[in-house]
Amino acid sequence: MAIDWKKPTAQMLGRWQPFHDGHKSLFLEILKRTGQVIIMVRDTAGTDSSNPFNFDTVKKNIDIALKEYEDKYEVVLVPNITNICYGRKVGYQLEKISLDEETEKISATDIRKKML
């Protein structure tokens, strides 16, 4: 990966079980904000039926979906982060991105049911 670790970077944190078109649409919107993205994969593989895919599978699926943006992101494994906490004036912002209704309806649960 060729991202610049000193440049402003956006973060996506999730399980990506599996990474789907809704996630890709979200990535594209996020990419517009900083030009590069760190995709953090929560280490939840095998914890329950909603998390069947291990990190290698998740990363492979992300890399396939984002092939044309390979120099704009990096995928990293992180612990099972459940809380993001911050103090005042931390130097970054939390931002919710809303997508179109059709994209917001995409369900990883439904996709997993079809896959498994």
C-alpha atoms as a PDB file:
ATOM      1  CA  MET A   1       0.000   0.000   0.000  1.00  0.00           C
ATOM      2  CA  ALA A   2       1.197   3.483  -0.777  1.00  0.00           C
ATOM      3  CA  ILE A   3      -0.702   5.690   1.643  1.00  0.00           C
ATOM      4  CA  ASP A   4       1.158   8.522   3.309  1.00  0.00           C
ATOM      5  CA  TRP A   5       1.030   8.073   7.090  1.00  0.00           C
ATOM      6  CA  LYS A   6       1.603  11.807   7.674  1.00  0.00           C
ATOM      7  CA  LYS A   7      -1.327  13.039   5.554  1.00  0.00           C
ATOM      8  CA  PRO A   8      -4.859  13.432   6.887  1.00  0.00           C
ATOM      9  CA  THR A   9      -6.533  10.034   6.821  1.00  0.00           C
ATOM     10  CA  ALA A  10     -10.103   8.882   7.415  1.00  0.00           C
ATOM     11  CA  GLN A  11     -10.934   5.753   9.379  1.00  0.00           C
ATOM     12  CA  MET A  12     -13.520   3.058   8.733  1.00  0.00           C
ATOM     13  CA  LEU A  13     -14.035   0.632  11.610  1.00  0.00           C
ATOM     14  CA  GLY A  14     -16.172  -2.459  11.250  1.00  0.00           C
ATOM     15  CA  ARG A  15     -16.513  -6.220  11.084  1.00  0.00           C
ATOM     16  CA  TRP A  16     -17.070  -6.301   7.290  1.00  0.00           C
ATOM     17  CA  GLN A  17     -18.862  -9.661   7.484  1.00  0.00           C
ATOM     18  CA  PRO A  18     -18.884  -9.511   4.466  1.00  0.00           C
ATOM     19  CA  PHE A  19     -17.649  -6.309   2.814  1.00  0.00           C
ATOM     20  CA  HIS A  20     -20.466  -5.346   0.403  1.00  0.00           C
ATOM     21  CA  ASP A  21     -21.553  -2.623  -2.036  1.00  0.00           C
ATOM     22  CA  GLY A  22     -22.903  -0.462   0.789  1.00  0.00           C
ATOM     23  CA  HIS A  23     -19.488  -0.534   2.447  1.00  0.00           C
ATOM     24  CA  LYS A  24     -17.865   0.357  -0.875  1.00  0.00           C
ATOM     25  CA  SER A  25     -20.226   3.313  -1.320  1.00  0.00           C
ATOM     26  CA  LEU A  26     -19.383   4.479   2.185  1.00  0.00           C
ATOM     27  CA  PHE A  27     -15.654   4.091   1.432  1.00  0.00           C
ATOM     28  CA  LEU A  28     -16.027   6.267  -1.678  1.00  0.00           C
ATOM     29  CA  GLU A  29     -17.764   9.019   0.293  1.00  0.00           C
ATOM     30  CA  ILE A  30     -15.126   8.854   3.009  1.00  0.00           C
ATOM     31  CA  LEU A  31     -12.316   8.886   0.444  1.00  0.00           C
ATOM     32  CA  LYS A  32     -13.575  12.276  -0.807  1.00  0.00           C
ATOM     33  CA  ARG A  33     -12.846  13.815   2.593  1.00  0.00           C
ATOM     34  CA  THR A  34      -9.141  13.015   2.942  1.00  0.00           C
ATOM     35  CA  GLY A  35      -7.989  11.078  -0.121  1.00  0.00           C
ATOM     36  CA  GLN A  36      -6.935   8.026   1.871  1.00  0.00           C
ATOM     37  CA  VAL A  37      -8.572   5.641   4.331  1.00  0.00           C
ATOM     38  CA  ILE A  38      -7.506   3.169   6.982  1.00  0.00           C
ATOM     39  CA  ILE A  39     -10.000   0.290   7.084  1.00  0.00           C
ATOM     40  CA  MET A  40      -9.918  -1.281  10.522  1.00  0.00           C
ATOM     41  CA  VAL A  41     -11.213  -4.831  10.813  1.00  0.00           C
ATOM     42  CA  ARG A  42     -12.491  -5.683  14.291  1.00  0.00           C
ATOM     43  CA  ASP A  43     -11.195  -9.085  15.414  1.00  0.00           C
ATOM     44  CA  THR A  44     -14.578 -10.776  15.823  1.00  0.00           C
ATOM     45  CA  ALA A  45     -14.075 -13.858  13.615  1.00  0.00           C
ATOM     46  CA  GLY A  46     -15.808 -16.909  15.035  1.00  0.00           C
ATOM     47  CA  THR A  47     -17.300 -15.140  18.054  1.00  0.00           C
ATOM     48  CA  ASP A  48     -20.835 -15.922  16.842  1.00  0.00           C
ATOM     49  CA  SER A  49     -22.799 -16.749  13.689  1.00  0.00           C
ATOM     50  CA  SER A  50     -22.680 -13.107  12.545  1.00  0.00           C
ATOM     51  CA  ASN A  51     -18.881 -13.258  12.314  1.00  0.00           C
ATOM     52  CA  PRO A  52     -17.948 -16.297  10.206  1.00  0.00           C
ATOM     53  CA  PHE A  53     -15.047 -14.756   8.260  1.00  0.00           C
ATOM     54  CA  ASN A  54     -11.480 -14.489   9.517  1.00  0.00           C
ATOM     55  CA  PHE A  55      -9.252 -11.472   8.899  1.00  0.00           C
ATOM     56  CA  ASP A  56      -7.571 -12.950   5.815  1.00  0.00           C
ATOM     57  CA  THR A  57     -10.956 -13.562   4.155  1.00  0.00           C
ATOM     58  CA  VAL A  58     -12.257 -10.105   5.091  1.00  0.00           C
ATOM     59  CA  LYS A  59      -9.090  -8.425   3.808  1.00  0.00           C
ATOM     60  CA  LYS A  60      -9.213 -10.408   0.560  1.00  0.00           C
ATOM     61  CA  ASN A  61     -12.854  -9.359   0.003  1.00  0.00           C
ATOM     62  CA  ILE A  62     -12.012  -5.712   0.679  1.00  0.00           C
ATOM     63  CA  ASP A  63      -9.012  -5.840  -1.659  1.00  0.00           C
ATOM     64  CA  ILE A  64     -11.145  -7.343  -4.438  1.00  0.00           C
ATOM     65  CA  ALA A  65     -13.901  -4.745  -3.975  1.00  0.00           C
ATOM     66  CA  LEU A  66     -11.476  -1.810  -3.841  1.00  0.00           C
ATOM     67  CA  LYS A  67      -8.882  -2.995  -6.348  1.00  0.00           C
ATOM     68  CA  GLU A  68      -8.986   0.238  -8.346  1.00  0.00           C
ATOM     69  CA  TYR A  69      -8.220   2.237  -5.169  1.00  0.00           C
ATOM     70  CA  GLU A  70      -5.353   0.074  -3.901  1.00  0.00           C
ATOM     71  CA  ASP A  71      -3.061   3.041  -3.268  1.00  0.00           C
ATOM     72  CA  LYS A  72      -5.772   4.941  -1.351  1.00  0.00           C
ATOM     73  CA  TYR A  73      -6.391   2.591   1.591  1.00  0.00           C
ATOM     74  CA  GLU A  74      -4.855   0.108   3.955  1.00  0.00           C
ATOM     75  CA  VAL A  75      -6.581  -2.715   5.849  1.00  0.00           C
ATOM     76  CA  VAL A  76      -5.489  -3.411   9.417  1.00  0.00           C
ATOM     77  CA  LEU A  77      -6.638  -5.887  12.054  1.00  0.00           C
ATOM     78  CA  VAL A  78      -7.598  -4.312  15.378  1.00  0.00           C
ATOM     79  CA  PRO A  79      -9.019  -5.687  18.636  1.00  0.00           C
ATOM     80  CA  ASN A  80     -12.784  -6.021  19.006  1.00  0.00           C
ATOM     81  CA  ILE A  81     -13.248  -2.278  19.528  1.00  0.00           C
ATOM     82  CA  THR A  82     -16.711  -1.609  20.957  1.00  0.00           C
ATOM     83  CA  ASN A  83     -16.304   1.945  22.260  1.00  0.00           C
ATOM     84  CA  ILE A  84     -14.642   4.971  20.708  1.00  0.00           C
ATOM     85  CA  CYS A  85     -14.032   7.507  23.441  1.00  0.00           C
ATOM     86  CA  TYR A  86     -12.485  10.942  23.242  1.00  0.00           C
ATOM     87  CA  GLY A  87     -11.777  13.996  25.323  1.00  0.00           C
ATOM     88  CA  ARG A  88     -12.057  17.610  24.305  1.00  0.00           C
ATOM     89  CA  LYS A  89     -10.203  19.141  21.356  1.00  0.00           C
ATOM     90  CA  VAL A  90      -8.673  15.863  20.239  1.00  0.00           C
ATOM     91  CA  GLY A  91      -7.802  17.051  16.726  1.00  0.00           C
ATOM     92  CA  TYR A  92     -10.220  14.867  14.810  1.00  0.00           C
ATOM     93  CA  GLN A  93     -13.952  14.709  14.248  1.00  0.00           C
ATOM     94  CA  LEU A  94     -16.581  12.009  14.399  1.00  0.00           C
ATOM     95  CA  GLU A  95     -18.763  12.145  11.296  1.00  0.00           C
ATOM     96  CA  LYS A  96     -21.810  10.089  10.365  1.00  0.00           C
ATOM     97  CA  ILE A  97     -22.192   9.686   6.621  1.00  0.00           C
ATOM     98  CA  SER A  98     -25.695   8.999   5.308  1.00  0.00           C
ATOM     99  CA  LEU A  99     -26.029   7.301   1.941  1.00  0.00           C
ATOM    100  CA  ASP A 100     -29.014   6.924  -0.373  1.00  0.00           C
ATOM    101  CA  GLU A 101     -31.944   4.821   0.871  1.00  0.00           C
ATOM    102  CA  GLU A 102     -31.236   1.873  -1.440  1.00  0.00           C
ATOM    103  CA  THR A 103     -27.625   1.619  -0.260  1.00  0.00           C
ATOM    104  CA  GLU A 104     -28.603   1.989   3.399  1.00  0.00           C
ATOM    105  CA  LYS A 105     -30.916  -1.032   2.997  1.00  0.00           C
ATOM    106  CA  ILE A 106     -28.039  -3.374   2.074  1.00  0.00           C
ATOM    107  CA  SER A 107     -27.765  -5.934   4.851  1.00  0.00           C
ATOM    108  CA  ALA A 108     -24.660  -7.983   5.598  1.00  0.00           C
ATOM    109  CA  THR A 109     -26.920 -10.353   7.556  1.00  0.00           C
ATOM    110  CA  ASP A 110     -28.983 -11.060   4.425  1.00  0.00           C
ATOM    111  CA  ILE A 111     -25.829 -11.445   2.329  1.00  0.00           C
ATOM    112  CA  ARG A 112     -24.342 -13.929   4.850  1.00  0.00           C
ATOM    113  CA  LYS A 113     -27.538 -15.997   4.785  1.00  0.00           C
ATOM    114  CA  LYS A 114     -27.244 -16.310   1.009  1.00  0.00           C
ATOM    115  CA  MET A 115     -23.507 -17.096   1.202  1.00  0.00           C
ATOM    116  CA  LEU A 116     -23.679 -19.677   3.965  1.00  0.00           C
END
